[in-house]
Protein backbone atom coordinates (compact mmCIF):
# COMPACT_ATOMS: atom_id res chain seq x y z
CA MET A 1 -36.07 -45.74 -63.43
CA ALA A 2 -38.14 -43.05 -61.73
CA VAL A 3 -41.24 -44.43 -60.01
CA PRO A 4 -43.99 -41.94 -59.09
CA HIS A 5 -45.33 -42.70 -55.61
CA LEU A 6 -47.03 -41.34 -52.51
CA GLU A 7 -45.59 -41.28 -48.99
CA TRP A 8 -47.37 -40.76 -45.67
CA LYS A 9 -47.14 -41.82 -42.02
CA ASP A 10 -49.79 -44.02 -40.43
CA SER A 11 -51.26 -43.53 -36.95
CA LEU A 12 -48.14 -45.08 -35.37
CA GLY A 13 -45.75 -42.87 -37.29
CA THR A 14 -44.62 -45.63 -39.64
CA LEU A 15 -43.71 -44.44 -43.13
CA GLN A 16 -46.00 -45.91 -45.79
CA SER A 17 -45.56 -45.78 -49.56
CA TYR A 18 -47.84 -46.42 -52.54
CA GLU A 19 -46.41 -46.81 -56.03
CA ILE A 20 -48.54 -45.15 -58.73
CA SER A 21 -48.91 -47.83 -61.38
CA SER A 22 -52.35 -46.99 -62.81
CA ASP A 23 -53.99 -43.99 -64.43
CA GLN A 24 -55.92 -43.15 -61.25
CA VAL A 25 -55.26 -43.46 -57.52
CA LEU A 26 -58.26 -43.18 -55.19
CA ILE A 27 -57.70 -41.72 -51.70
CA GLY A 28 -60.31 -42.15 -48.98
CA ARG A 29 -61.54 -43.79 -45.80
CA LYS A 30 -63.37 -46.70 -47.45
CA SER A 31 -61.52 -49.98 -47.92
CA ASP A 32 -61.95 -49.99 -51.71
CA SER A 33 -59.67 -46.93 -51.97
CA ASP A 34 -56.09 -47.41 -53.18
CA VAL A 35 -54.76 -45.30 -50.29
CA VAL A 36 -56.91 -46.03 -47.22
CA LEU A 37 -56.79 -43.41 -44.44
CA PRO A 38 -58.95 -44.43 -41.43
CA ASN A 39 -59.84 -40.95 -40.18
CA PRO A 40 -63.43 -39.87 -39.40
CA TYR A 41 -62.89 -36.50 -41.07
CA ILE A 42 -61.83 -38.04 -44.37
CA SER A 43 -64.60 -38.88 -46.84
CA ARG A 44 -65.11 -42.44 -48.05
CA HIS A 45 -63.88 -41.42 -51.49
CA HIS A 46 -62.11 -38.16 -50.73
CA ALA A 47 -59.74 -37.34 -53.60
CA LYS A 48 -57.99 -38.90 -56.55
CA ILE A 49 -54.76 -38.51 -58.46
CA VAL A 50 -55.03 -38.78 -62.24
CA GLN A 51 -52.11 -39.41 -64.58
CA ASP A 52 -52.33 -37.54 -67.88
CA GLY A 53 -49.26 -38.45 -69.93
CA ASP A 54 -46.28 -37.13 -67.97
CA ARG A 55 -48.48 -34.94 -65.77
CA PHE A 56 -50.34 -35.76 -62.57
CA TRP A 57 -53.51 -34.04 -61.38
CA LEU A 58 -54.93 -33.91 -57.85
CA ALA A 59 -58.72 -33.63 -57.77
CA ASP A 60 -61.07 -33.30 -54.79
CA LEU A 61 -64.16 -35.56 -55.04
CA GLY A 62 -66.60 -33.24 -53.32
CA SER A 63 -65.27 -34.09 -49.84
CA THR A 64 -66.80 -32.51 -46.74
CA HIS A 65 -63.57 -31.25 -45.19
CA GLY A 66 -61.61 -30.53 -48.33
CA THR A 67 -58.37 -31.43 -50.08
CA TYR A 68 -55.30 -29.20 -49.72
CA LEU A 69 -52.14 -28.74 -51.78
CA ASN A 70 -49.22 -27.18 -49.93
CA GLY A 71 -51.67 -25.69 -47.41
CA GLN A 72 -54.17 -24.27 -49.93
CA ARG A 73 -57.60 -25.82 -50.44
CA ILE A 74 -58.05 -26.93 -54.05
CA GLU A 75 -60.58 -28.50 -56.39
CA ARG A 76 -58.14 -29.61 -59.10
CA GLU A 77 -54.45 -28.80 -59.46
CA THR A 78 -51.33 -30.15 -61.17
CA LEU A 79 -48.91 -32.04 -58.91
CA ARG A 80 -45.14 -31.57 -58.76
CA SER A 81 -42.62 -33.76 -56.99
CA GLY A 82 -42.43 -32.88 -53.30
CA ASP A 83 -45.93 -31.38 -53.14
CA ARG A 84 -47.71 -31.90 -49.81
CA ILE A 85 -51.29 -33.14 -50.08
CA GLY A 86 -53.49 -32.43 -47.05
CA VAL A 87 -56.63 -34.56 -46.68
CA GLY A 88 -59.62 -33.80 -44.45
CA ARG A 89 -60.12 -31.52 -41.46
CA ASP A 90 -56.89 -32.73 -39.84
CA GLN A 91 -55.07 -32.34 -43.18
CA VAL A 92 -53.51 -35.80 -43.01
CA GLU A 93 -50.36 -35.23 -45.06
CA ILE A 94 -49.34 -37.25 -48.12
CA THR A 95 -46.24 -36.35 -50.12
CA PHE A 96 -46.16 -36.84 -53.87
CA ARG A 97 -42.81 -38.04 -55.25
CA SER A 98 -41.97 -38.46 -58.92
CA GLY A 99 -38.60 -40.15 -58.23
CA GLU A 100 -37.39 -43.41 -56.72
CA LEU A 101 -39.19 -45.02 -53.82
CA SER A 102 -37.94 -43.94 -50.39
CA SER A 103 -34.82 -45.77 -49.23
CA VAL A 104 -35.82 -45.54 -45.55
CA SER A 105 -35.11 -48.95 -44.03
CA ARG A 106 -37.56 -51.01 -42.03
CA ASP A 107 -35.29 -50.63 -38.97
CA GLU A 108 -35.43 -46.85 -39.29
CA GLU A 109 -39.21 -47.01 -39.65
CA ALA A 110 -39.54 -49.23 -36.57
CA SER A 111 -37.23 -46.97 -34.57
CA GLU A 112 -39.25 -43.93 -35.54
CA ALA A 113 -42.49 -45.74 -34.64
CA MET A 114 -41.09 -46.67 -31.21
CA GLN A 115 -40.01 -43.08 -30.58
CA THR A 116 -43.49 -41.87 -31.52
CA ALA A 117 -45.07 -44.46 -29.24
CA PHE A 118 -42.80 -43.43 -26.36
CA LEU A 119 -43.70 -39.75 -26.83
CA ASN A 120 -47.38 -40.66 -26.83
CA LEU A 121 -46.92 -42.52 -23.55
CA THR A 122 -44.91 -39.80 -21.83
CA ALA A 123 -47.77 -37.41 -22.49
CA MET A 124 -49.97 -39.44 -20.10
CA MET A 125 -47.25 -40.42 -17.57
CA PRO A 126 -46.40 -38.70 -14.30
CA LEU A 127 -43.27 -36.57 -14.55
CA GLU A 128 -41.42 -38.88 -12.18
CA THR A 129 -41.80 -42.63 -12.69
CA THR A 130 -39.19 -44.51 -10.74
CA GLU A 131 -40.90 -47.73 -9.74
CA LYS A 132 -39.67 -50.70 -11.70
CA SER A 133 -43.23 -52.07 -12.10
CA GLU A 134 -44.34 -48.88 -13.82
CA LEU A 135 -41.46 -49.04 -16.29
CA GLU A 136 -42.25 -52.69 -17.00
CA LYS A 137 -45.82 -51.73 -17.84
CA ILE A 138 -44.58 -49.11 -20.27
CA SER A 139 -42.18 -51.65 -21.75
CA LEU A 140 -45.10 -54.01 -22.42
CA LEU A 141 -46.93 -51.37 -24.39
CA LEU A 142 -43.83 -50.27 -26.29
CA ASP A 143 -43.19 -53.88 -27.22
CA PHE A 144 -46.71 -54.18 -28.54
CA GLN A 145 -46.46 -50.99 -30.58
CA TYR A 146 -43.11 -52.09 -31.97
CA GLN A 147 -44.65 -55.36 -33.19
CA TRP A 148 -47.65 -53.48 -34.56
CA GLY A 149 -45.28 -51.31 -36.60
CA GLN A 150 -43.27 -54.24 -37.92
CA GLN A 151 -45.88 -56.80 -38.97
CA PHE A 152 -49.56 -57.50 -38.78
CA SER A 153 -51.39 -60.62 -37.70
CA GLY A 154 -54.73 -60.19 -35.99
CA ASP A 155 -54.27 -63.30 -33.81
CA ALA A 156 -50.75 -62.30 -32.76
CA MET A 157 -51.83 -58.73 -31.99
CA PHE A 158 -54.76 -59.93 -29.86
CA HIS A 159 -52.42 -62.29 -28.00
CA GLN A 160 -50.04 -59.40 -27.26
CA ILE A 161 -52.86 -57.12 -26.11
CA LEU A 162 -54.28 -59.75 -23.77
CA SER A 163 -50.83 -60.63 -22.42
CA SER A 164 -50.14 -56.98 -21.61
CA ALA A 165 -53.59 -56.42 -20.11
CA LEU A 166 -53.33 -59.52 -17.91
CA THR A 167 -49.87 -58.50 -16.66
CA ILE A 168 -50.93 -54.94 -15.84
CA SER A 169 -54.26 -55.84 -14.20
CA GLY A 170 -53.39 -59.11 -12.48
CA ALA A 171 -56.57 -60.66 -13.91
CA GLU A 172 -56.87 -64.44 -14.21
CA ARG A 173 -58.59 -64.43 -17.59
CA GLY A 174 -58.76 -62.15 -20.57
CA PHE A 175 -60.87 -62.27 -23.74
CA ILE A 176 -61.27 -60.18 -26.85
CA LEU A 177 -64.71 -60.22 -28.43
CA ARG A 178 -65.29 -59.07 -31.98
CA ARG A 179 -68.54 -57.59 -33.25
CA LYS A 180 -70.48 -59.54 -35.83
CA ASP A 181 -73.76 -57.96 -36.88
CA LYS A 182 -75.25 -56.90 -33.52
CA GLU A 183 -73.59 -59.57 -31.40
CA TYR A 184 -70.08 -59.96 -29.97
CA GLU A 185 -68.31 -63.24 -30.59
CA TYR A 186 -65.09 -64.80 -29.28
CA ALA A 187 -61.90 -63.73 -31.06
CA ARG A 188 -59.09 -64.65 -28.59
CA GLY A 189 -58.70 -65.75 -24.97
CA LEU A 190 -55.77 -66.14 -22.52
CA ASP A 191 -55.34 -66.99 -18.86
CA SER A 192 -52.74 -65.53 -16.49
CA ASN A 193 -50.31 -68.33 -17.47
CA MET A 194 -50.62 -67.19 -21.11
CA LYS A 195 -52.48 -70.37 -22.00
CA THR A 196 -55.07 -70.05 -24.77
CA LEU A 197 -58.69 -70.16 -23.61
CA SER A 198 -61.29 -71.45 -26.07
CA GLU A 199 -64.65 -69.96 -26.94
CA ALA A 200 -66.32 -72.67 -24.83
CA GLU A 201 -64.47 -71.36 -21.73
CA PHE A 202 -65.88 -67.84 -22.09
CA SER A 203 -68.91 -66.81 -20.05
CA THR A 204 -69.87 -63.63 -18.21
CA SER A 205 -72.73 -61.33 -17.40
CA GLN A 206 -74.47 -60.03 -20.52
CA THR A 207 -75.17 -56.80 -18.62
CA ILE A 208 -71.43 -56.05 -18.44
CA ILE A 209 -71.01 -56.77 -22.15
CA ASN A 210 -74.00 -54.57 -22.99
CA GLN A 211 -72.54 -51.64 -21.04
CA ALA A 212 -69.23 -51.90 -22.88
CA ALA A 213 -71.10 -52.28 -26.17
CA GLU A 214 -72.71 -48.89 -25.44
CA GLY A 215 -69.21 -47.41 -25.18
CA GLU A 216 -69.00 -47.30 -21.37
CA PRO A 217 -65.99 -49.06 -19.73
CA VAL A 218 -66.42 -51.11 -16.56
CA PHE A 219 -63.64 -51.06 -13.90
CA MET A 220 -64.32 -53.09 -10.73
CA THR A 221 -60.88 -54.46 -9.85
CA GLU A 222 -61.16 -54.58 -6.06
CA GLY A 223 -64.63 -56.01 -5.66
CA ILE A 224 -67.88 -56.15 -7.59
CA SER A 225 -70.64 -53.86 -6.42
CA GLY A 226 -74.01 -52.49 -7.42
CA GLU A 227 -76.27 -54.32 -9.86
CA PHE A 228 -73.39 -56.45 -11.12
CA ALA A 229 -72.87 -58.09 -7.71
CA GLN A 230 -76.33 -59.65 -7.97
CA GLN A 231 -75.92 -61.05 -11.48
CA GLU A 232 -76.45 -64.85 -11.45
CA SER A 233 -73.59 -65.50 -13.88
CA ILE A 234 -71.12 -63.48 -11.77
CA VAL A 235 -72.23 -65.20 -8.56
CA ALA A 236 -72.04 -68.63 -10.19
CA MET A 237 -68.46 -67.97 -11.40
CA ASN A 238 -67.48 -66.58 -7.97
CA LEU A 239 -65.95 -63.51 -9.60
CA ARG A 240 -64.36 -60.83 -7.41
CA ALA A 241 -63.10 -58.45 -10.09
CA VAL A 242 -64.09 -57.46 -13.64
CA ALA A 243 -62.83 -54.94 -16.20
CA CYS A 244 -64.56 -54.52 -19.56
CA LEU A 245 -63.48 -51.94 -22.16
CA PRO A 246 -65.03 -51.03 -25.52
CA LEU A 247 -62.70 -51.30 -28.52
CA LYS A 248 -63.53 -48.45 -30.88
CA GLY A 249 -62.61 -47.93 -34.51
CA ILE A 250 -64.04 -46.82 -37.84
CA ALA A 251 -65.61 -49.62 -39.84
CA SER A 252 -64.97 -49.46 -43.60
CA ASP A 253 -68.61 -48.60 -44.34
CA GLN A 254 -69.10 -46.04 -41.54
CA ALA A 255 -68.27 -42.37 -41.04
CA ALA A 256 -67.52 -42.20 -37.31
CA PRO A 257 -65.85 -44.35 -34.63
CA GLU A 258 -67.99 -47.07 -33.10
CA VAL A 259 -67.56 -50.13 -30.87
CA LEU A 260 -66.01 -52.89 -32.99
CA GLY A 261 -65.12 -55.21 -30.13
CA ILE A 262 -64.68 -55.65 -26.37
CA LEU A 263 -61.68 -56.30 -24.11
CA TYR A 264 -62.87 -58.34 -21.12
CA LEU A 265 -60.86 -59.23 -17.97
CA ASP A 266 -62.05 -61.06 -14.83
CA SER A 267 -60.73 -62.85 -11.76
CA THR A 268 -61.95 -64.89 -8.78
CA LYS A 269 -59.54 -62.75 -6.73
CA THR A 270 -59.16 -59.02 -6.65
CA MET A 271 -56.98 -57.61 -9.40
CA HIS A 272 -54.08 -55.23 -8.84
CA ALA A 273 -55.05 -51.88 -7.43
CA LEU A 274 -54.93 -49.88 -10.63
CA SER A 275 -53.05 -46.60 -10.50
CA GLY A 276 -53.93 -43.74 -12.79
CA LEU A 277 -51.15 -44.88 -15.11
CA ASP A 278 -52.43 -48.47 -15.09
CA GLN A 279 -55.87 -47.40 -16.17
CA LYS A 280 -54.47 -45.08 -18.85
CA ILE A 281 -52.31 -47.89 -20.22
CA LEU A 282 -55.31 -50.24 -20.29
CA ASP A 283 -57.25 -47.51 -22.10
CA LYS A 284 -54.34 -47.17 -24.53
CA LEU A 285 -54.33 -50.95 -25.08
CA ALA A 286 -58.06 -50.76 -25.79
CA ILE A 287 -57.39 -48.06 -28.39
CA GLU A 288 -54.71 -50.21 -30.01
CA ALA A 289 -57.06 -53.23 -29.97
CA GLY A 290 -59.66 -51.04 -31.68
CA ASN A 291 -57.04 -50.21 -34.31
CA VAL A 292 -56.50 -53.93 -34.85
CA MET A 293 -60.27 -54.42 -35.23
CA GLU A 294 -60.39 -51.56 -37.72
CA LYS A 295 -57.48 -52.96 -39.73
CA LEU A 296 -59.03 -56.44 -39.76
CA ASP A 297 -62.26 -54.92 -41.02
CA MET A 298 -60.32 -53.08 -43.72
CA LEU A 299 -58.43 -56.22 -44.71
CA ARG A 300 -61.64 -58.22 -44.86
CA GLY A 301 -63.09 -55.55 -47.14
CA LEU A 302 -59.98 -55.69 -49.33
CA GLN A 303 -60.18 -59.50 -49.51
CA GLU A 304 -63.85 -59.33 -50.46
CA ARG A 305 -62.97 -56.71 -53.05
CA GLN A 306 -60.22 -58.93 -54.46
CA VAL A 307 -62.65 -61.86 -54.76
CA LEU A 308 -65.17 -59.60 -56.48
CA GLU A 309 -62.47 -58.23 -58.77
CA GLN A 310 -61.52 -61.79 -59.75
CA GLU A 311 -65.15 -62.69 -60.43
CA LEU A 312 -65.66 -59.51 -62.45
CA ALA A 313 -62.47 -60.16 -64.40
CA LEU A 314 -63.77 -63.63 -65.27
CA ALA A 315 -67.13 -62.18 -66.28
CA ARG A 316 -65.32 -59.54 -68.33
CA GLU A 317 -63.29 -62.23 -70.11
CA THR A 318 -66.47 -64.19 -70.83
CA GLN A 319 -68.25 -61.14 -72.22
CA VAL A 320 -65.28 -60.11 -74.35
CA ASN A 321 -65.22 -63.62 -75.84
CA LEU A 322 -68.88 -63.19 -76.83
CA LEU A 323 -68.05 -60.08 -78.85
CA PRO A 324 -66.69 -60.64 -82.37
CA GLN A 325 -63.00 -61.52 -82.04
CA GLU A 326 -62.40 -59.53 -85.19
CA VAL A 327 -64.57 -57.37 -87.39
CA PRO A 328 -66.01 -59.31 -90.32
CA HIS A 329 -64.75 -59.06 -93.86
CA PHE A 330 -67.54 -57.80 -96.11
CA GLU A 331 -66.57 -57.11 -99.71
CA GLY A 332 -66.66 -53.41 -100.52
CA PHE A 333 -66.84 -52.20 -96.90
CA LEU A 334 -64.44 -51.15 -94.12
CA ILE A 335 -65.76 -51.90 -90.64
CA ARG A 336 -64.47 -50.59 -87.30
CA ALA A 337 -65.96 -51.36 -83.86
CA PHE A 338 -65.13 -50.49 -80.24
CA SER A 339 -66.63 -51.25 -76.81
CA ARG A 340 -65.43 -50.28 -73.32
CA PRO A 341 -67.64 -51.07 -70.30
CA THR A 342 -67.55 -48.85 -67.25
CA ARG A 343 -67.34 -51.66 -64.64
CA HIS A 344 -65.43 -54.62 -66.00
CA VAL A 345 -68.64 -55.85 -67.58
CA GLY A 346 -71.48 -53.81 -69.03
CA GLY A 347 -74.77 -53.80 -70.86
CA ASP A 348 -73.53 -52.66 -74.28
CA PHE A 349 -72.66 -55.07 -77.05
CA TYR A 350 -72.24 -55.10 -80.80
CA ASP A 351 -72.26 -57.97 -83.28
CA PHE A 352 -72.11 -58.73 -87.00
CA ILE A 353 -73.70 -61.72 -88.69
CA HIS A 354 -73.39 -62.94 -92.27
CA LEU A 355 -76.89 -63.86 -93.47
CA LYS A 356 -77.77 -66.76 -95.77
CA ASN A 357 -78.81 -64.39 -98.57
CA GLY A 358 -75.32 -62.81 -98.63
CA ASP A 359 -76.22 -59.67 -96.69
CA LEU A 360 -74.47 -58.46 -93.56
CA ALA A 361 -76.49 -57.81 -90.40
CA GLY A 362 -75.17 -55.54 -87.67
CA ILE A 363 -76.50 -54.68 -84.24
CA LEU A 364 -75.52 -52.36 -81.41
CA ALA A 365 -77.53 -52.73 -78.18
CA ASP A 366 -77.57 -50.93 -74.85
CA VAL A 367 -79.14 -52.82 -71.93
CA SER A 368 -80.39 -50.65 -69.06
CA GLY A 369 -78.15 -50.67 -65.98
CA LYS A 370 -74.52 -51.64 -65.52
CA GLY A 371 -72.46 -54.46 -64.09
CA ILE A 372 -73.05 -58.19 -64.03
CA SER A 373 -76.87 -58.18 -64.22
CA ALA A 374 -76.81 -56.00 -67.36
CA SER A 375 -74.09 -58.14 -68.93
CA LEU A 376 -76.10 -61.33 -68.33
CA LEU A 377 -79.11 -59.89 -70.14
CA SER A 378 -76.94 -58.57 -73.00
CA SER A 379 -75.30 -62.02 -73.41
CA SER A 380 -78.73 -63.71 -73.42
CA LEU A 381 -80.04 -61.19 -75.93
CA GLN A 382 -77.03 -61.74 -78.19
CA GLY A 383 -77.63 -65.49 -78.21
CA ALA A 384 -81.33 -65.07 -78.95
CA LEU A 385 -80.51 -62.73 -81.85
CA HIS A 386 -78.21 -65.31 -83.44
CA MET A 387 -80.86 -68.01 -83.13
CA GLN A 388 -83.53 -65.80 -84.67
CA LEU A 389 -81.36 -64.73 -87.62
CA ARG A 390 -80.79 -68.38 -88.52
CA SER A 391 -84.49 -68.82 -89.17
CA ASP A 392 -85.49 -65.40 -90.49
CA THR A 393 -83.56 -62.59 -92.23
CA HIS A 394 -86.35 -60.00 -92.27
CA PRO A 395 -85.51 -57.17 -89.77
CA GLU A 396 -89.14 -56.67 -88.73
CA ALA A 397 -89.71 -60.32 -87.83
CA VAL A 398 -86.37 -60.57 -86.02
CA LEU A 399 -87.05 -57.52 -83.83
CA ASN A 400 -90.65 -58.53 -83.07
CA GLU A 401 -89.49 -61.93 -81.79
CA LEU A 402 -86.60 -60.37 -79.90
CA ASN A 403 -88.98 -57.99 -78.11
CA ASN A 404 -91.19 -60.91 -77.04
CA TYR A 405 -88.13 -62.75 -75.76
CA VAL A 406 -86.96 -59.80 -73.62
CA CYS A 407 -90.47 -59.20 -72.25
CA GLU A 408 -90.74 -62.84 -71.18
CA ARG A 409 -87.23 -63.35 -69.82
CA SER A 410 -86.23 -60.08 -68.12
CA GLN A 411 -87.41 -58.15 -65.08
CA PRO A 412 -89.95 -55.34 -65.61
CA ASN A 413 -87.35 -52.65 -64.97
CA ARG A 414 -84.96 -54.07 -67.57
CA PHE A 415 -85.19 -52.87 -71.15
CA VAL A 416 -82.99 -52.58 -74.21
CA THR A 417 -82.39 -49.94 -76.86
CA LEU A 418 -80.75 -51.07 -80.07
CA PHE A 419 -79.95 -50.22 -83.65
CA PHE A 420 -80.25 -53.08 -86.15
CA PHE A 421 -79.30 -52.90 -89.83
CA THR A 422 -78.73 -55.05 -92.92
CA LEU A 423 -76.58 -54.25 -95.96
CA ASP A 424 -76.00 -55.99 -99.26
CA PRO A 425 -72.71 -55.74 -101.24
CA GLU A 426 -74.12 -52.79 -103.21
CA GLY A 427 -74.79 -50.71 -100.09
CA LYS A 428 -78.55 -51.23 -100.13
CA GLY A 429 -80.14 -52.16 -96.85
CA ALA A 430 -82.57 -51.36 -94.08
CA PHE A 431 -82.45 -50.35 -90.42
CA ILE A 432 -84.62 -50.38 -87.30
CA SER A 433 -83.93 -48.19 -84.28
CA ALA A 434 -85.71 -49.46 -81.16
CA GLY A 435 -85.68 -46.50 -78.77
CA HIS A 436 -81.97 -45.96 -79.48
CA ASN A 437 -80.19 -42.63 -79.73
CA PRO A 438 -79.85 -41.36 -83.33
CA SER A 439 -77.24 -42.89 -85.62
CA TYR A 440 -75.51 -40.78 -88.26
CA LEU A 441 -74.80 -41.31 -91.95
CA TYR A 442 -71.98 -39.24 -93.45
CA ARG A 443 -72.55 -38.50 -97.12
CA ALA A 444 -69.23 -38.31 -98.99
CA GLY A 445 -70.82 -36.64 -101.98
CA SER A 446 -72.12 -33.59 -100.08
CA GLY A 447 -70.13 -33.67 -96.84
CA GLN A 448 -73.42 -33.55 -94.93
CA VAL A 449 -74.55 -35.73 -92.01
CA GLU A 450 -77.97 -37.41 -92.04
CA GLU A 451 -79.66 -38.43 -88.80
CA LEU A 452 -81.21 -41.89 -88.64
CA GLY A 453 -83.73 -41.38 -85.86
CA SER A 454 -85.66 -43.80 -83.70
CA ALA A 455 -89.17 -44.72 -84.70
CA GLY A 456 -89.58 -47.91 -82.68
CA LEU A 457 -90.25 -48.53 -78.98
CA ILE A 458 -87.57 -49.85 -76.65
CA LEU A 459 -87.28 -53.63 -76.41
CA GLY A 460 -88.69 -55.42 -73.37
CA ALA A 461 -91.02 -52.65 -72.17
CA PHE A 462 -94.20 -53.44 -74.14
CA ASP A 463 -95.22 -56.90 -75.34
CA PHE A 464 -97.55 -55.34 -77.93
CA ALA A 465 -94.77 -53.39 -79.67
CA THR A 466 -94.14 -54.05 -83.37
CA TYR A 467 -91.27 -52.86 -85.54
CA GLU A 468 -90.99 -51.63 -89.11
CA SER A 469 -87.76 -51.19 -91.05
CA ASN A 470 -86.57 -48.11 -92.93
CA PRO A 471 -84.64 -48.24 -96.21
CA MET A 472 -80.99 -47.19 -96.30
CA GLN A 473 -78.45 -46.79 -99.10
CA LEU A 474 -74.69 -46.31 -98.63
CA GLU A 475 -72.87 -44.79 -101.61
CA PRO A 476 -69.07 -45.08 -102.08
CA GLY A 477 -67.28 -43.09 -99.35
CA ASP A 478 -70.36 -42.92 -97.10
CA ILE A 479 -69.87 -43.81 -93.42
CA LEU A 480 -72.51 -45.11 -91.00
CA LEU A 481 -71.82 -44.33 -87.31
CA VAL A 482 -73.83 -46.26 -84.70
CA TYR A 483 -73.09 -45.63 -81.01
CA SER A 484 -74.39 -45.97 -77.45
CA ASP A 485 -75.20 -42.88 -75.38
CA GLY A 486 -72.10 -43.43 -73.24
CA LEU A 487 -70.20 -41.70 -76.05
CA THR A 488 -72.23 -38.47 -76.13
CA GLU A 489 -72.79 -38.46 -72.34
CA ALA A 490 -69.08 -38.64 -71.47
CA ALA A 491 -68.47 -35.80 -68.97
CA ASN A 492 -65.63 -33.39 -68.25
CA PRO A 493 -64.61 -32.07 -64.77
CA GLU A 494 -67.18 -29.27 -65.10
CA GLU A 495 -69.88 -31.97 -65.54
CA GLU A 496 -70.55 -30.88 -69.12
CA LEU A 497 -71.48 -33.63 -71.60
CA PHE A 498 -69.61 -34.33 -74.82
CA GLY A 499 -72.93 -34.12 -76.65
CA GLU A 500 -74.31 -34.87 -80.09
CA GLU A 501 -73.27 -31.52 -81.56
CA ASN A 502 -69.60 -32.23 -80.90
CA LEU A 503 -69.98 -35.66 -82.46
CA ILE A 504 -71.69 -34.30 -85.59
CA ARG A 505 -68.95 -31.65 -86.00
CA LEU A 506 -66.33 -34.42 -85.79
CA ILE A 507 -68.11 -36.43 -88.47
CA ARG A 508 -68.41 -33.43 -90.80
CA ARG A 509 -64.78 -32.42 -90.29
CA HIS A 510 -63.13 -35.83 -90.58
CA GLY A 511 -65.63 -38.07 -92.36
CA GLY A 512 -63.94 -37.34 -95.70
CA GLY A 513 -60.75 -38.94 -94.38
CA GLY A 514 -62.43 -42.33 -93.94
CA ALA A 515 -63.57 -44.53 -91.04
CA GLU A 516 -60.09 -45.14 -89.58
CA LEU A 517 -59.30 -41.43 -89.31
CA LEU A 518 -62.75 -40.68 -87.90
CA GLU A 519 -62.30 -43.36 -85.21
CA GLU A 520 -58.92 -41.89 -84.27
CA LYS A 521 -60.38 -38.39 -84.02
CA ILE A 522 -63.27 -39.59 -81.82
CA PHE A 523 -60.83 -41.11 -79.32
CA GLU A 524 -58.67 -38.00 -79.42
CA ALA A 525 -61.62 -35.65 -78.86
CA LEU A 526 -62.99 -37.75 -75.98
CA ASP A 527 -59.65 -37.80 -74.15
CA LYS A 528 -59.20 -34.07 -74.60
CA PHE A 529 -62.75 -33.31 -73.46
CA THR A 530 -62.97 -35.58 -70.38
CA ARG A 531 -59.45 -34.73 -69.07
CA GLY A 532 -59.14 -37.89 -66.99
CA MET A 533 -62.68 -37.99 -65.59
CA ASP A 534 -64.09 -41.42 -64.77
CA GLN A 535 -66.21 -43.05 -67.43
CA THR A 536 -69.81 -43.12 -66.14
CA ASP A 537 -71.41 -45.30 -68.81
CA ASP A 538 -70.42 -48.00 -71.28
CA ILE A 539 -68.99 -46.55 -74.51
CA THR A 540 -69.62 -48.54 -77.68
CA PHE A 541 -69.65 -47.53 -81.33
CA MET A 542 -69.21 -48.96 -84.83
CA LEU A 543 -68.23 -47.37 -88.14
CA ILE A 544 -69.22 -48.91 -91.48
CA GLU A 545 -67.68 -47.28 -94.55
CA ARG A 546 -68.52 -48.23 -98.12
CA SER A 547 -65.29 -48.15 -100.05
CA GLY A 548 -64.74 -47.73 -103.80
CA THR A 549 -65.54 -44.93 -106.15
């Protein structure tokens, strides 16, 4: 079966592949992207690929250095198999494939990575390198890059880097320090016998560390001079040689390279006299160590994201369970309801409650904000509403008490808009709109749409607010549509809103076909209008149709 996917080569020339298994694929520098490209000229969220049926779209997300398709800068274009996507100033190339995943073997990838690494090294080597020691040094680095291309383990990579650095420099000790906040802490240590050194065995001059932390390397391999020679810690350790290199990379939340760690080497004897090649290889090792730091930072971000995703999924499951598991049966009425949050969990909710007097109560609420905090308030509000309706069935009293509850229990910047209604089996009822967007009542007899506007204040903003109900009568064939503003504020790629006029036209055109058809047409119109754009707000609506003749 054909599997749409993306292919690109990482910084070592290793072929990478990402199978497109969701409606959207986010490309960017930040670790929460699906395809992460650690390049300073790529925006955090640079571009995305959107699947629309059998078609795929490439869309730029307002990036600084642009998105390109087959060499041409684009804003939004259709993708075809084999298209070359260029990302950022350097136009990092990604190929879109609509067929089977690449059959390139891991051995071929590793071989290609080694060839790339060798070419990179020859660019900084003298034209004639005949000494065996020089070739051994190159072999050390090639071996490291081969392992880097084949597998990834931060501890193993640090061990390899230190082993190579110690062999090249002749140092007695080597340490890698990793940045945490503004300090640098122990990550790995080795001595010249390749024995692990613990954090307790690491000590050095803070002045040397500070210089490397500023991005300046320190090379004193044949004797320590200047201000460093007088440092108490260096004198106490009887050091004769020190090398300290900054390890630079791009952190997941930053835009430019910065010092993520430090490679530190020292010895009580002089180190090897470093040739130009030696120093270039040590610099190259420092670059590779920075790449490891960057990848560890990315992986940590991905792990944190996975934990958050799991927590959000649990919260989403909890919130879904609080919504009615099925719409209620109410004699003489057809009821439809839908809710889709924008971030796993949201602030919208709807509910239906059978009252003791035989009426049906319905509510649709929109809590300000999004995410977990909004969902917590909406869940609390839903529980309070149920408790209140058990003791009182008058809409005015219920809303007055609910407003007091929100004022007392929520933060000052949290408020709620809602539409609350009651109906009896004959279609007679009442409604209160507390700062909510207008609801609409389709009249089957005339084909017209009546607006049920808001006369009440939003809940939770004013403790002095009081609410009065308005009468409502549904005749056979009439349909009541209640919705949150996420429906009318859905946007298309041109940043135009779906709007109330479009919604009213839909109701007029399809209301005569009943609530089920109207619901279908709303979904259809939204999909056509938004054309794959991300949902920016929770979308919730309910349709209540009085059946019969």
